[in-house]
PDB file of N, CA and C in Angstrom:
ATOM      1  N   MET A   1      29.200  11.582  32.797  1.00  0.00           N
ATOM      2  CA  MET A   1      29.423  10.696  31.564  1.00  0.00           C
ATOM      3  C   MET A   1      28.291   9.912  30.929  1.00  0.00           C
ATOM      4  N   LEU A   2      27.261   9.618  32.142  1.00  0.00           N
ATOM      5  CA  LEU A   2      25.988   9.086  31.575  1.00  0.00           C
ATOM      6  C   LEU A   2      24.930   9.968  31.043  1.00  0.00           C
ATOM      7  N   LEU A   3      25.082  11.466  31.207  1.00  0.00           N
ATOM      8  CA  LEU A   3      24.290  12.439  30.674  1.00  0.00           C
ATOM      9  C   LEU A   3      24.947  12.511  29.361  1.00  0.00           C
ATOM     10  N   THR A   4      26.265  12.552  29.176  1.00  0.00           N
ATOM     11  CA  THR A   4      26.916  12.810  27.839  1.00  0.00           C
ATOM     12  C   THR A   4      26.221  11.849  26.861  1.00  0.00           C
ATOM     13  N   LEU A   5      26.533  10.497  27.201  1.00  0.00           N
ATOM     14  CA  LEU A   5      25.958   9.479  26.453  1.00  0.00           C
ATOM     15  C   LEU A   5      24.472   9.460  26.255  1.00  0.00           C
ATOM     16  N   THR A   6      23.338   9.597  27.361  1.00  0.00           N
ATOM     17  CA  THR A   6      22.252   9.860  27.077  1.00  0.00           C
ATOM     18  C   THR A   6      21.869  11.258  25.736  1.00  0.00           C
ATOM     19  N   LEU A   7      22.619  12.013  25.866  1.00  0.00           N
ATOM     20  CA  LEU A   7      22.465  13.083  24.814  1.00  0.00           C
ATOM     21  C   LEU A   7      22.855  12.939  23.603  1.00  0.00           C
ATOM     22  N   GLN A   8      24.164  12.188  23.362  1.00  0.00           N
ATOM     23  CA  GLN A   8      24.400  11.792  22.211  1.00  0.00           C
ATOM     24  C   GLN A   8      23.601  10.502  21.506  1.00  0.00           C
ATOM     25  N   VAL A   9      22.818   9.567  22.345  1.00  0.00           N
ATOM     26  CA  VAL A   9      21.983   8.852  21.806  1.00  0.00           C
ATOM     27  C   VAL A   9      20.512   9.620  21.279  1.00  0.00           C
ATOM     28  N   PHE A  10      20.384  10.732  22.230  1.00  0.00           N
ATOM     29  CA  PHE A  10      19.088  11.420  21.811  1.00  0.00           C
ATOM     30  C   PHE A  10      19.182  12.018  20.625  1.00  0.00           C
ATOM     31  N   VAL A  11      20.287  12.513  20.187  1.00  0.00           N
ATOM     32  CA  VAL A  11      20.715  13.167  18.823  1.00  0.00           C
ATOM     33  C   VAL A  11      20.855  12.317  17.884  1.00  0.00           C
ATOM     34  N   VAL A  12      21.504  11.094  17.975  1.00  0.00           N
ATOM     35  CA  VAL A  12      21.304  10.276  16.734  1.00  0.00           C
ATOM     36  C   VAL A  12      20.099   9.689  16.792  1.00  0.00           C
ATOM     37  N   VAL A  13      19.355   9.568  17.506  1.00  0.00           N
ATOM     38  CA  VAL A  13      17.738   9.109  17.210  1.00  0.00           C
ATOM     39  C   VAL A  13      17.234  10.108  16.573  1.00  0.00           C
ATOM     40  N   PHE A  14      17.267  11.382  16.871  1.00  0.00           N
ATOM     41  CA  PHE A  14      16.693  12.542  16.512  1.00  0.00           C
ATOM     42  C   PHE A  14      16.853  12.739  14.973  1.00  0.00           C
ATOM     43  N   VAL A  15      18.569  12.353  14.673  1.00  0.00           N
ATOM     44  CA  VAL A  15      18.586  12.977  13.295  1.00  0.00           C
ATOM     45  C   VAL A  15      18.177  11.846  12.277  1.00  0.00           C
ATOM     46  N   ILE A  16      18.343  10.569  12.943  1.00  0.00           N
ATOM     47  CA  ILE A  16      17.593   9.240  11.998  1.00  0.00           C
ATOM     48  C   ILE A  16      16.208   9.618  11.880  1.00  0.00           C
ATOM     49  N   ALA A  17      15.139  10.118  12.995  1.00  0.00           N
ATOM     50  CA  ALA A  17      13.860  10.396  12.866  1.00  0.00           C
ATOM     51  C   ALA A  17      13.629  11.355  11.609  1.00  0.00           C
ATOM     52  N   LEU A  18      14.684  12.459  11.816  1.00  0.00           N
ATOM     53  CA  LEU A  18      14.439  13.730  10.892  1.00  0.00           C
ATOM     54  C   LEU A  18      14.872  13.132   9.478  1.00  0.00           C
ATOM     55  N   LEU A  19      15.842  12.248   8.949  1.00  0.00           N
ATOM     56  CA  LEU A  19      16.151  11.681   7.998  1.00  0.00           C
ATOM     57  C   LEU A  19      15.083  11.050   7.236  1.00  0.00           C
ATOM     58  N   TRP A  20      14.401  10.129   8.442  1.00  0.00           N
ATOM     59  CA  TRP A  20      13.530   9.356   7.868  1.00  0.00           C
ATOM     60  C   TRP A  20      12.262   9.910   7.398  1.00  0.00           C
ATOM     61  N   HIS A  21      11.789  10.933   7.943  1.00  0.00           N
ATOM     62  CA  HIS A  21      10.989  11.847   7.394  1.00  0.00           C
ATOM     63  C   HIS A  21      11.271  12.487   6.148  1.00  0.00           C
ATOM     64  N   ILE A  22      12.439  13.136   5.720  1.00  0.00           N
ATOM     65  CA  ILE A  22      12.787  13.474   4.749  1.00  0.00           C
ATOM     66  C   ILE A  22      12.903  12.571   3.443  1.00  0.00           C
ATOM     67  N   PHE A  23      13.293  11.399   3.829  1.00  0.00           N
ATOM     68  CA  PHE A  23      13.451  10.518   2.862  1.00  0.00           C
ATOM     69  C   PHE A  23      11.822  10.089   2.333  1.00  0.00           C
ATOM     70  N   GLU A  24      10.840  10.045   3.150  1.00  0.00           N
ATOM     71  CA  GLU A  24       9.591   9.382   2.908  1.00  0.00           C
ATOM     72  C   GLU A  24       8.761  10.519   2.154  1.00  0.00           C
ATOM     73  N   LYS A  25       9.258  11.989   2.302  1.00  0.00           N
ATOM     74  CA  LYS A  25       8.580  13.102   1.908  1.00  0.00           C
ATOM     75  C   LYS A  25       9.145  12.821   0.346  1.00  0.00           C
ATOM     76  N   ALA A  26      10.414  12.736   0.274  1.00  0.00           N
ATOM     77  CA  ALA A  26      11.047  12.537  -1.047  1.00  0.00           C
ATOM     78  C   ALA A  26      10.460  11.526  -2.138  1.00  0.00           C
ATOM     79  N   GLY A  27       9.744  10.495  -1.439  1.00  0.00           N
ATOM     80  CA  GLY A  27       9.250   9.535  -2.096  1.00  0.00           C
ATOM     81  C   GLY A  27      10.172   8.388  -2.168  1.00  0.00           C
ATOM     82  N   GLN A  28      11.047   8.286  -1.433  1.00  0.00           N
ATOM     83  CA  GLN A  28      12.360   6.931  -1.132  1.00  0.00           C
ATOM     84  C   GLN A  28      11.891   6.399  -0.009  1.00  0.00           C
ATOM     85  N   PRO A  29      12.482   5.072   0.116  1.00  0.00           N
ATOM     86  CA  PRO A  29      12.141   4.378   1.509  1.00  0.00           C
ATOM     87  C   PRO A  29      12.630   5.119   3.023  1.00  0.00           C
ATOM     88  N   GLY A  30      12.243   4.986   3.581  1.00  0.00           N
ATOM     89  CA  GLY A  30      12.546   5.536   4.746  1.00  0.00           C
ATOM     90  C   GLY A  30      13.593   4.951   5.419  1.00  0.00           C
ATOM     91  N   TRP A  31      13.745   3.308   5.513  1.00  0.00           N
ATOM     92  CA  TRP A  31      14.852   2.920   5.886  1.00  0.00           C
ATOM     93  C   TRP A  31      16.185   3.122   5.303  1.00  0.00           C
ATOM     94  N   ALA A  32      15.961   3.591   4.021  1.00  0.00           N
ATOM     95  CA  ALA A  32      17.378   4.063   3.495  1.00  0.00           C
ATOM     96  C   ALA A  32      18.148   5.078   4.428  1.00  0.00           C
ATOM     97  N   SER A  33      17.596   5.613   5.226  1.00  0.00           N
ATOM     98  CA  SER A  33      18.315   6.634   5.947  1.00  0.00           C
ATOM     99  C   SER A  33      19.216   6.019   7.163  1.00  0.00           C
ATOM    100  N   ILE A  34      19.082   4.851   7.410  1.00  0.00           N
ATOM    101  CA  ILE A  34      19.690   4.127   8.551  1.00  0.00           C
ATOM    102  C   ILE A  34      21.006   3.538   7.835  1.00  0.00           C
ATOM    103  N   ILE A  35      21.080   3.466   6.450  1.00  0.00           N
ATOM    104  CA  ILE A  35      22.177   2.402   5.933  1.00  0.00           C
ATOM    105  C   ILE A  35      23.394   3.571   5.607  1.00  0.00           C
ATOM    106  N   PRO A  36      24.521   3.268   6.265  1.00  0.00           N
ATOM    107  CA  PRO A  36      25.455   4.308   5.839  1.00  0.00           C
ATOM    108  C   PRO A  36      25.955   4.154   4.529  1.00  0.00           C
ATOM    109  N   GLY A  37      26.333   5.361   4.020  1.00  0.00           N
ATOM    110  CA  GLY A  37      26.672   5.394   2.638  1.00  0.00           C
ATOM    111  C   GLY A  37      25.664   5.454   1.416  1.00  0.00           C
ATOM    112  N   TYR A  38      24.698   4.427   1.798  1.00  0.00           N
ATOM    113  CA  TYR A  38      23.705   4.501   0.768  1.00  0.00           C
ATOM    114  C   TYR A  38      22.678   5.597   1.126  1.00  0.00           C
ATOM    115  N   ASN A  39      22.449   6.115   2.319  1.00  0.00           N
ATOM    116  CA  ASN A  39      21.704   7.183   2.797  1.00  0.00           C
ATOM    117  C   ASN A  39      22.193   8.690   1.902  1.00  0.00           C
ATOM    118  N   VAL A  40      23.589   8.633   1.779  1.00  0.00           N
ATOM    119  CA  VAL A  40      24.138   9.630   1.298  1.00  0.00           C
ATOM    120  C   VAL A  40      24.236   9.856  -0.353  1.00  0.00           C
ATOM    121  N   TYR A  41      23.931   8.656  -0.823  1.00  0.00           N
ATOM    122  CA  TYR A  41      23.673   8.283  -2.334  1.00  0.00           C
ATOM    123  C   TYR A  41      22.285   9.044  -2.612  1.00  0.00           C
ATOM    124  N   ILE A  42      21.236   8.500  -1.686  1.00  0.00           N
ATOM    125  CA  ILE A  42      20.017   8.742  -1.548  1.00  0.00           C
ATOM    126  C   ILE A  42      19.508   9.995  -1.446  1.00  0.00           C
ATOM    127  N   LEU A  43      20.439  10.665  -0.782  1.00  0.00           N
ATOM    128  CA  LEU A  43      20.450  12.511  -0.771  1.00  0.00           C
ATOM    129  C   LEU A  43      20.760  13.090  -1.578  1.00  0.00           C
ATOM    130  N   LEU A  44      21.935  12.354  -2.392  1.00  0.00           N
ATOM    131  CA  LEU A  44      22.309  13.333  -3.694  1.00  0.00           C
ATOM    132  C   LEU A  44      21.489  12.944  -4.974  1.00  0.00           C
ATOM    133  N   LYS A  45      20.644  11.983  -4.842  1.00  0.00           N
ATOM    134  CA  LYS A  45      19.552  11.847  -5.652  1.00  0.00           C
ATOM    135  C   LYS A  45      18.475  12.841  -5.360  1.00  0.00           C
ATOM    136  N   ILE A  46      18.229  13.068  -4.189  1.00  0.00           N
ATOM    137  CA  ILE A  46      17.031  13.734  -3.995  1.00  0.00           C
ATOM    138  C   ILE A  46      17.347  15.495  -4.147  1.00  0.00           C
ATOM    139  N   THR A  47      18.631  15.355  -3.748  1.00  0.00           N
ATOM    140  CA  THR A  47      18.970  17.113  -4.243  1.00  0.00           C
ATOM    141  C   THR A  47      19.099  17.171  -5.645  1.00  0.00           C
ATOM    142  N   GLY A  48      19.337  16.271  -6.541  1.00  0.00           N
ATOM    143  CA  GLY A  48      19.559  16.660  -7.797  1.00  0.00           C
ATOM    144  C   GLY A  48      21.031  16.803  -8.188  1.00  0.00           C
ATOM    145  N   VAL A  49      21.796  16.430  -7.375  1.00  0.00           N
ATOM    146  CA  VAL A  49      23.297  16.069  -7.486  1.00  0.00           C
ATOM    147  C   VAL A  49      23.752  15.088  -8.607  1.00  0.00           C
ATOM    148  N   ILE A  50      22.999  13.885  -8.347  1.00  0.00           N
ATOM    149  CA  ILE A  50      22.868  12.635  -9.141  1.00  0.00           C
ATOM    150  C   ILE A  50      21.919  12.465 -10.027  1.00  0.00           C
ATOM    151  N   LYS A  51      21.966  12.454 -11.268  1.00  0.00           N
ATOM    152  CA  LYS A  51      20.913  12.456 -12.129  1.00  0.00           C
ATOM    153  C   LYS A  51      20.533  10.857 -12.584  1.00  0.00           C
ATOM    154  N   ARG A  52      20.449  10.116 -12.074  1.00  0.00           N
ATOM    155  CA  ARG A  52      20.079   8.672 -12.097  1.00  0.00           C
ATOM    156  C   ARG A  52      18.697   8.525 -11.760  1.00  0.00           C
TER     157      ARG A  52
END
């Protein structure tokens, strides 16, 4: 059970780090990657789905 929890924490931290890097490369603030909902909105802006 401890191994599973450790693996899950590692995956979550890894995904946040990757999203942070993607956001900064796209000219967006990195902290936006950790706000639920707002990060999806910013990703949609980055990909061009939302034209705002």
